[in-house]
Amino acid sequence: MKKAAAALLCAAVLLTAACSPQAFEFDEDAAVAAAKDVIDLVYMLDFDAVCALFREDVREMVSAEALGAAVAPILDGAGRFVEYTKAKAVAYNDKQYGEIIIVAVQAKYENEKLTYTVSLGRDFSLVGLYIK
């Protein structure tokens, strides 16, 4: 149930953010780099390190075990990482999480392409993670 709610939240935030002007100024290159750092940790299956990056109010809702159980099967089928192909970041004011930066990153793997949606606070603390 929590996975479905998280996925729905990410989708809603992305759709809303795509339709509105920038909510605040931010360094897009730095946001994309921070998102790629998260993705690199996910690829290395270092879920403890990923959980440590979550903002404190969000960290309470996520465990390394749950994250690993959700993500590992996706990565197992993807194969070896090849390259990042696209990245885009937008600012959004969320009622629950405040000012966030949503970064969508496409990554090419041996067997498929994955799209990561990484939500960050203004200080680049991790707020959300979705993989499709």
N, C-alpha and C. Protein backbone atom coordinates (compact mmCIF):
# COMPACT_ATOMS: atom_id res chain seq x y z
N MET A 1 0.81 -1.19 0.00
CA MET A 1 0.00 0.00 0.00
C MET A 1 0.87 1.27 0.00
N LYS A 2 1.96 1.25 0.82
CA LYS A 2 2.84 2.41 0.87
C LYS A 2 3.53 2.64 -0.46
N LYS A 3 3.88 1.53 -1.15
CA LYS A 3 4.54 1.66 -2.46
C LYS A 3 3.60 2.32 -3.46
N ALA A 4 2.34 1.90 -3.45
CA ALA A 4 1.37 2.47 -4.38
C ALA A 4 1.14 3.94 -4.08
N ALA A 5 1.07 4.28 -2.80
CA ALA A 5 0.87 5.68 -2.42
C ALA A 5 2.07 6.53 -2.82
N ALA A 6 3.27 5.99 -2.63
CA ALA A 6 4.48 6.73 -3.02
C ALA A 6 4.53 6.94 -4.53
N ALA A 7 4.19 5.91 -5.28
CA ALA A 7 4.18 6.02 -6.74
C ALA A 7 3.16 7.04 -7.20
N LEU A 8 1.99 7.03 -6.58
CA LEU A 8 0.94 7.97 -6.94
C LEU A 8 1.37 9.40 -6.61
N LEU A 9 2.01 9.59 -5.45
CA LEU A 9 2.50 10.91 -5.07
C LEU A 9 3.51 11.43 -6.08
N CYS A 10 4.46 10.58 -6.46
CA CYS A 10 5.48 10.99 -7.44
C CYS A 10 4.84 11.37 -8.77
N ALA A 11 3.90 10.58 -9.22
CA ALA A 11 3.24 10.86 -10.50
C ALA A 11 2.47 12.17 -10.43
N ALA A 12 1.75 12.39 -9.33
CA ALA A 12 0.98 13.62 -9.19
C ALA A 12 1.88 14.84 -9.13
N VAL A 13 2.97 14.73 -8.41
CA VAL A 13 3.91 15.84 -8.30
C VAL A 13 4.52 16.15 -9.66
N LEU A 14 4.91 15.12 -10.40
CA LEU A 14 5.50 15.33 -11.72
C LEU A 14 4.51 15.99 -12.68
N LEU A 15 3.28 15.51 -12.68
CA LEU A 15 2.28 16.08 -13.58
C LEU A 15 2.01 17.54 -13.24
N THR A 16 1.89 17.83 -11.96
CA THR A 16 1.62 19.20 -11.55
C THR A 16 2.82 20.10 -11.84
N ALA A 17 4.01 19.60 -11.58
CA ALA A 17 5.21 20.40 -11.81
C ALA A 17 5.41 20.69 -13.29
N ALA A 18 5.05 19.76 -14.13
CA ALA A 18 5.22 19.95 -15.57
C ALA A 18 4.32 21.04 -16.11
N CYS A 19 3.23 21.33 -15.42
CA CYS A 19 2.24 22.29 -15.90
C CYS A 19 2.41 23.68 -15.29
N SER A 20 3.34 23.86 -14.39
CA SER A 20 3.46 25.14 -13.71
C SER A 20 4.85 25.74 -13.92
N PRO A 21 4.95 27.08 -13.76
CA PRO A 21 6.26 27.70 -13.86
C PRO A 21 7.13 27.29 -12.67
N GLN A 22 8.44 27.55 -12.77
CA GLN A 22 9.35 27.22 -11.67
C GLN A 22 8.85 27.86 -10.38
N ALA A 23 8.79 27.07 -9.31
CA ALA A 23 8.32 27.56 -8.03
C ALA A 23 9.39 28.39 -7.32
N PHE A 24 10.66 28.09 -7.58
CA PHE A 24 11.77 28.81 -6.98
C PHE A 24 13.02 28.53 -7.82
N GLU A 25 14.02 29.36 -7.64
CA GLU A 25 15.27 29.21 -8.37
C GLU A 25 16.14 28.15 -7.70
N PHE A 26 16.87 27.38 -8.49
CA PHE A 26 17.80 26.39 -7.98
C PHE A 26 18.84 26.10 -9.05
N ASP A 27 19.91 25.46 -8.66
CA ASP A 27 20.99 25.09 -9.57
C ASP A 27 20.65 23.72 -10.18
N GLU A 28 20.19 23.73 -11.43
CA GLU A 28 19.75 22.48 -12.06
C GLU A 28 20.90 21.48 -12.18
N ASP A 29 22.08 21.93 -12.54
CA ASP A 29 23.22 21.01 -12.66
C ASP A 29 23.53 20.33 -11.33
N ALA A 30 23.50 21.09 -10.24
CA ALA A 30 23.76 20.52 -8.92
C ALA A 30 22.67 19.54 -8.52
N ALA A 31 21.42 19.85 -8.85
CA ALA A 31 20.31 18.95 -8.53
C ALA A 31 20.43 17.65 -9.30
N VAL A 32 20.76 17.73 -10.58
CA VAL A 32 20.93 16.52 -11.39
C VAL A 32 22.10 15.70 -10.86
N ALA A 33 23.19 16.35 -10.47
CA ALA A 33 24.34 15.63 -9.92
C ALA A 33 23.96 14.92 -8.62
N ALA A 34 23.18 15.58 -7.76
CA ALA A 34 22.74 14.97 -6.51
C ALA A 34 21.85 13.76 -6.79
N ALA A 35 20.96 13.89 -7.77
CA ALA A 35 20.09 12.77 -8.14
C ALA A 35 20.91 11.59 -8.67
N LYS A 36 21.91 11.88 -9.48
CA LYS A 36 22.77 10.81 -10.01
C LYS A 36 23.56 10.13 -8.90
N ASP A 37 23.94 10.88 -7.87
CA ASP A 37 24.61 10.28 -6.71
C ASP A 37 23.69 9.26 -6.04
N VAL A 38 22.42 9.61 -5.90
CA VAL A 38 21.44 8.69 -5.32
C VAL A 38 21.31 7.45 -6.20
N ILE A 39 21.19 7.65 -7.50
CA ILE A 39 21.03 6.54 -8.44
C ILE A 39 22.25 5.62 -8.41
N ASP A 40 23.43 6.20 -8.30
CA ASP A 40 24.65 5.38 -8.21
C ASP A 40 24.60 4.48 -6.98
N LEU A 41 24.15 5.01 -5.85
CA LEU A 41 24.03 4.20 -4.63
C LEU A 41 22.99 3.11 -4.80
N VAL A 42 21.89 3.43 -5.47
CA VAL A 42 20.86 2.42 -5.74
C VAL A 42 21.44 1.31 -6.59
N TYR A 43 22.17 1.67 -7.64
CA TYR A 43 22.76 0.66 -8.52
C TYR A 43 23.75 -0.23 -7.76
N MET A 44 24.47 0.35 -6.80
CA MET A 44 25.42 -0.43 -6.00
C MET A 44 24.71 -1.23 -4.89
N LEU A 45 23.38 -1.10 -4.84
CA LEU A 45 22.55 -1.78 -3.84
C LEU A 45 22.93 -1.39 -2.41
N ASP A 46 23.40 -0.16 -2.23
CA ASP A 46 23.76 0.35 -0.91
C ASP A 46 22.56 1.10 -0.33
N PHE A 47 21.56 0.33 0.08
CA PHE A 47 20.31 0.91 0.53
C PHE A 47 20.43 1.60 1.88
N ASP A 48 21.39 1.20 2.71
CA ASP A 48 21.63 1.92 3.96
C ASP A 48 22.09 3.34 3.66
N ALA A 49 22.98 3.49 2.69
CA ALA A 49 23.47 4.81 2.31
C ALA A 49 22.35 5.65 1.69
N VAL A 50 21.49 5.01 0.89
CA VAL A 50 20.36 5.74 0.30
C VAL A 50 19.44 6.23 1.41
N CYS A 51 19.12 5.37 2.36
CA CYS A 51 18.23 5.76 3.46
C CYS A 51 18.83 6.90 4.28
N ALA A 52 20.14 6.91 4.43
CA ALA A 52 20.80 7.98 5.19
C ALA A 52 20.66 9.33 4.50
N LEU A 53 20.44 9.34 3.18
CA LEU A 53 20.28 10.59 2.43
C LEU A 53 18.88 11.17 2.56
N PHE A 54 17.91 10.36 2.98
CA PHE A 54 16.54 10.86 3.11
C PHE A 54 16.47 11.94 4.18
N ARG A 55 15.67 12.95 3.91
CA ARG A 55 15.43 14.00 4.90
C ARG A 55 14.82 13.35 6.14
N GLU A 56 15.12 13.88 7.30
CA GLU A 56 14.74 13.24 8.56
C GLU A 56 13.26 12.90 8.65
N ASP A 57 12.38 13.80 8.23
CA ASP A 57 10.94 13.53 8.33
C ASP A 57 10.50 12.40 7.41
N VAL A 58 11.23 12.15 6.35
CA VAL A 58 10.90 11.08 5.40
C VAL A 58 11.58 9.78 5.81
N ARG A 59 12.77 9.90 6.38
CA ARG A 59 13.56 8.72 6.76
C ARG A 59 12.78 7.78 7.67
N GLU A 60 11.92 8.34 8.50
CA GLU A 60 11.11 7.53 9.42
C GLU A 60 10.18 6.57 8.68
N MET A 61 9.86 6.89 7.43
CA MET A 61 8.90 6.08 6.67
C MET A 61 9.57 5.05 5.76
N VAL A 62 10.90 5.05 5.70
CA VAL A 62 11.62 4.20 4.76
C VAL A 62 12.66 3.36 5.51
N SER A 63 12.77 2.10 5.13
CA SER A 63 13.84 1.26 5.68
C SER A 63 14.69 0.72 4.53
N ALA A 64 15.93 0.41 4.83
CA ALA A 64 16.83 -0.15 3.82
C ALA A 64 16.29 -1.47 3.30
N GLU A 65 15.70 -2.26 4.18
CA GLU A 65 15.16 -3.56 3.78
C GLU A 65 13.99 -3.40 2.80
N ALA A 66 13.08 -2.49 3.12
CA ALA A 66 11.93 -2.27 2.23
C ALA A 66 12.38 -1.70 0.89
N LEU A 67 13.32 -0.78 0.94
CA LEU A 67 13.84 -0.19 -0.30
C LEU A 67 14.50 -1.26 -1.16
N GLY A 68 15.31 -2.09 -0.54
CA GLY A 68 15.97 -3.18 -1.26
C GLY A 68 14.99 -4.15 -1.86
N ALA A 69 13.95 -4.50 -1.10
CA ALA A 69 12.94 -5.44 -1.60
C ALA A 69 12.20 -4.87 -2.81
N ALA A 70 12.00 -3.56 -2.83
CA ALA A 70 11.28 -2.94 -3.94
C ALA A 70 12.17 -2.72 -5.16
N VAL A 71 13.44 -2.38 -4.94
CA VAL A 71 14.32 -1.96 -6.03
C VAL A 71 15.13 -3.10 -6.64
N ALA A 72 15.62 -4.02 -5.83
CA ALA A 72 16.50 -5.08 -6.33
C ALA A 72 15.90 -5.85 -7.51
N PRO A 73 14.62 -6.24 -7.46
CA PRO A 73 14.07 -6.97 -8.62
C PRO A 73 14.08 -6.15 -9.92
N ILE A 74 13.90 -4.85 -9.80
CA ILE A 74 13.92 -3.99 -10.99
C ILE A 74 15.33 -3.98 -11.59
N LEU A 75 16.32 -3.82 -10.72
CA LEU A 75 17.70 -3.75 -11.20
C LEU A 75 18.22 -5.09 -11.69
N ASP A 76 17.74 -6.19 -11.11
CA ASP A 76 18.18 -7.52 -11.53
C ASP A 76 17.94 -7.74 -13.02
N GLY A 77 16.79 -7.30 -13.51
CA GLY A 77 16.46 -7.50 -14.92
C GLY A 77 17.10 -6.50 -15.85
N ALA A 78 17.57 -5.38 -15.30
CA ALA A 78 18.10 -4.31 -16.14
C ALA A 78 19.50 -4.61 -16.67
N GLY A 79 20.28 -5.34 -15.91
CA GLY A 79 21.65 -5.63 -16.34
C GLY A 79 22.63 -4.57 -15.90
N ARG A 80 23.78 -4.54 -16.55
CA ARG A 80 24.86 -3.62 -16.21
C ARG A 80 24.52 -2.20 -16.65
N PHE A 81 24.86 -1.22 -15.81
CA PHE A 81 24.66 0.19 -16.14
C PHE A 81 25.55 0.57 -17.32
N VAL A 82 24.97 1.32 -18.27
CA VAL A 82 25.73 1.78 -19.44
C VAL A 82 25.99 3.28 -19.35
N GLU A 83 24.91 4.09 -19.27
CA GLU A 83 25.08 5.54 -19.23
C GLU A 83 23.78 6.23 -18.86
N TYR A 84 23.91 7.49 -18.45
CA TYR A 84 22.75 8.35 -18.29
C TYR A 84 22.46 8.96 -19.65
N THR A 85 21.18 8.99 -20.04
CA THR A 85 20.86 9.52 -21.36
C THR A 85 20.16 10.87 -21.32
N LYS A 86 19.33 11.12 -20.32
CA LYS A 86 18.61 12.40 -20.22
C LYS A 86 18.42 12.73 -18.75
N ALA A 87 18.31 14.02 -18.47
CA ALA A 87 18.00 14.47 -17.11
C ALA A 87 17.33 15.83 -17.18
N LYS A 88 16.34 16.03 -16.32
CA LYS A 88 15.62 17.30 -16.26
C LYS A 88 15.18 17.52 -14.82
N ALA A 89 15.28 18.75 -14.36
CA ALA A 89 14.87 19.07 -12.99
C ALA A 89 13.91 20.25 -12.99
N VAL A 90 12.91 20.19 -12.12
CA VAL A 90 11.95 21.28 -11.96
C VAL A 90 11.72 21.53 -10.47
N ALA A 91 11.37 22.77 -10.14
CA ALA A 91 11.06 23.13 -8.76
C ALA A 91 9.55 23.03 -8.55
N TYR A 92 9.16 22.68 -7.33
CA TYR A 92 7.75 22.50 -7.02
C TYR A 92 7.51 22.81 -5.55
N ASN A 93 6.41 23.48 -5.25
CA ASN A 93 5.99 23.71 -3.87
C ASN A 93 4.93 22.68 -3.52
N ASP A 94 5.30 21.74 -2.67
CA ASP A 94 4.41 20.66 -2.26
C ASP A 94 3.81 20.99 -0.90
N LYS A 95 2.51 20.77 -0.74
CA LYS A 95 1.83 21.10 0.52
C LYS A 95 2.39 20.29 1.69
N GLN A 96 2.74 19.03 1.45
CA GLN A 96 3.22 18.17 2.53
C GLN A 96 4.73 18.32 2.76
N TYR A 97 5.51 18.38 1.69
CA TYR A 97 6.96 18.33 1.81
C TYR A 97 7.65 19.69 1.61
N GLY A 98 6.90 20.73 1.30
CA GLY A 98 7.49 22.05 1.12
C GLY A 98 8.12 22.21 -0.25
N GLU A 99 9.16 23.02 -0.32
CA GLU A 99 9.84 23.28 -1.59
C GLU A 99 10.72 22.09 -1.95
N ILE A 100 10.42 21.48 -3.09
CA ILE A 100 11.20 20.33 -3.53
C ILE A 100 11.62 20.50 -4.98
N ILE A 101 12.66 19.78 -5.32
CA ILE A 101 13.17 19.74 -6.69
C ILE A 101 12.95 18.32 -7.18
N ILE A 102 12.26 18.20 -8.30
CA ILE A 102 11.98 16.88 -8.87
C ILE A 102 12.91 16.69 -10.06
N VAL A 103 13.72 15.64 -9.99
CA VAL A 103 14.69 15.36 -11.04
C VAL A 103 14.32 14.03 -11.70
N ALA A 104 14.10 14.06 -13.01
CA ALA A 104 13.84 12.84 -13.78
C ALA A 104 15.11 12.52 -14.56
N VAL A 105 15.61 11.30 -14.37
CA VAL A 105 16.85 10.88 -15.02
C VAL A 105 16.60 9.56 -15.74
N GLN A 106 16.93 9.52 -17.04
CA GLN A 106 16.87 8.26 -17.78
C GLN A 106 18.25 7.63 -17.76
N ALA A 107 18.26 6.34 -17.45
CA ALA A 107 19.52 5.59 -17.40
C ALA A 107 19.41 4.38 -18.31
N LYS A 108 20.43 4.17 -19.12
CA LYS A 108 20.47 3.03 -20.02
C LYS A 108 21.26 1.90 -19.36
N TYR A 109 20.68 0.72 -19.38
CA TYR A 109 21.32 -0.49 -18.87
C TYR A 109 21.43 -1.47 -20.02
N GLU A 110 22.13 -2.57 -19.82
CA GLU A 110 22.31 -3.57 -20.89
C GLU A 110 20.98 -4.04 -21.46
N ASN A 111 20.02 -4.30 -20.60
CA ASN A 111 18.78 -4.93 -21.04
C ASN A 111 17.59 -3.99 -21.17
N GLU A 112 17.65 -2.80 -20.61
CA GLU A 112 16.52 -1.88 -20.69
C GLU A 112 16.92 -0.49 -20.24
N LYS A 113 16.00 0.46 -20.43
CA LYS A 113 16.17 1.82 -19.92
C LYS A 113 15.26 1.98 -18.71
N LEU A 114 15.77 2.65 -17.70
CA LEU A 114 14.98 2.94 -16.52
C LEU A 114 14.89 4.45 -16.35
N THR A 115 13.75 4.92 -15.87
CA THR A 115 13.59 6.33 -15.54
C THR A 115 13.48 6.45 -14.04
N TYR A 116 14.37 7.23 -13.47
CA TYR A 116 14.38 7.50 -12.03
C TYR A 116 13.75 8.87 -11.81
N THR A 117 12.87 8.96 -10.84
CA THR A 117 12.35 10.24 -10.39
C THR A 117 12.85 10.43 -8.96
N VAL A 118 13.72 11.39 -8.79
CA VAL A 118 14.34 11.65 -7.49
C VAL A 118 13.85 13.02 -7.02
N SER A 119 13.20 13.04 -5.87
CA SER A 119 12.71 14.30 -5.30
C SER A 119 13.66 14.73 -4.19
N LEU A 120 14.07 15.99 -4.26
CA LEU A 120 15.06 16.52 -3.33
C LEU A 120 14.53 17.77 -2.65
N GLY A 121 14.96 18.00 -1.41
CA GLY A 121 14.70 19.27 -0.76
C GLY A 121 15.61 20.33 -1.34
N ARG A 122 15.40 21.57 -0.96
CA ARG A 122 16.25 22.65 -1.48
C ARG A 122 17.71 22.45 -1.10
N ASP A 123 17.95 21.74 0.01
CA ASP A 123 19.32 21.45 0.44
C ASP A 123 19.84 20.14 -0.17
N PHE A 124 19.09 19.61 -1.14
CA PHE A 124 19.40 18.37 -1.86
C PHE A 124 19.28 17.12 -0.99
N SER A 125 18.60 17.23 0.14
CA SER A 125 18.29 16.02 0.92
C SER A 125 17.22 15.24 0.15
N LEU A 126 17.28 13.93 0.24
CA LEU A 126 16.37 13.07 -0.51
C LEU A 126 14.99 13.09 0.13
N VAL A 127 13.96 13.30 -0.70
CA VAL A 127 12.58 13.32 -0.22
C VAL A 127 11.79 12.16 -0.82
N GLY A 128 12.11 11.76 -2.04
CA GLY A 128 11.39 10.67 -2.69
C GLY A 128 12.20 10.03 -3.79
N LEU A 129 11.86 8.77 -4.08
CA LEU A 129 12.55 8.00 -5.12
C LEU A 129 11.55 7.07 -5.78
N TYR A 130 11.50 7.12 -7.10
CA TYR A 130 10.61 6.26 -7.86
C TYR A 130 11.37 5.77 -9.09
N ILE A 131 11.21 4.50 -9.41
CA ILE A 131 11.90 3.91 -10.57
C ILE A 131 10.87 3.24 -11.46
N LYS A 132 10.95 3.55 -12.74
CA LYS A 132 10.03 2.93 -13.70
C LYS A 132 10.85 2.38 -14.84
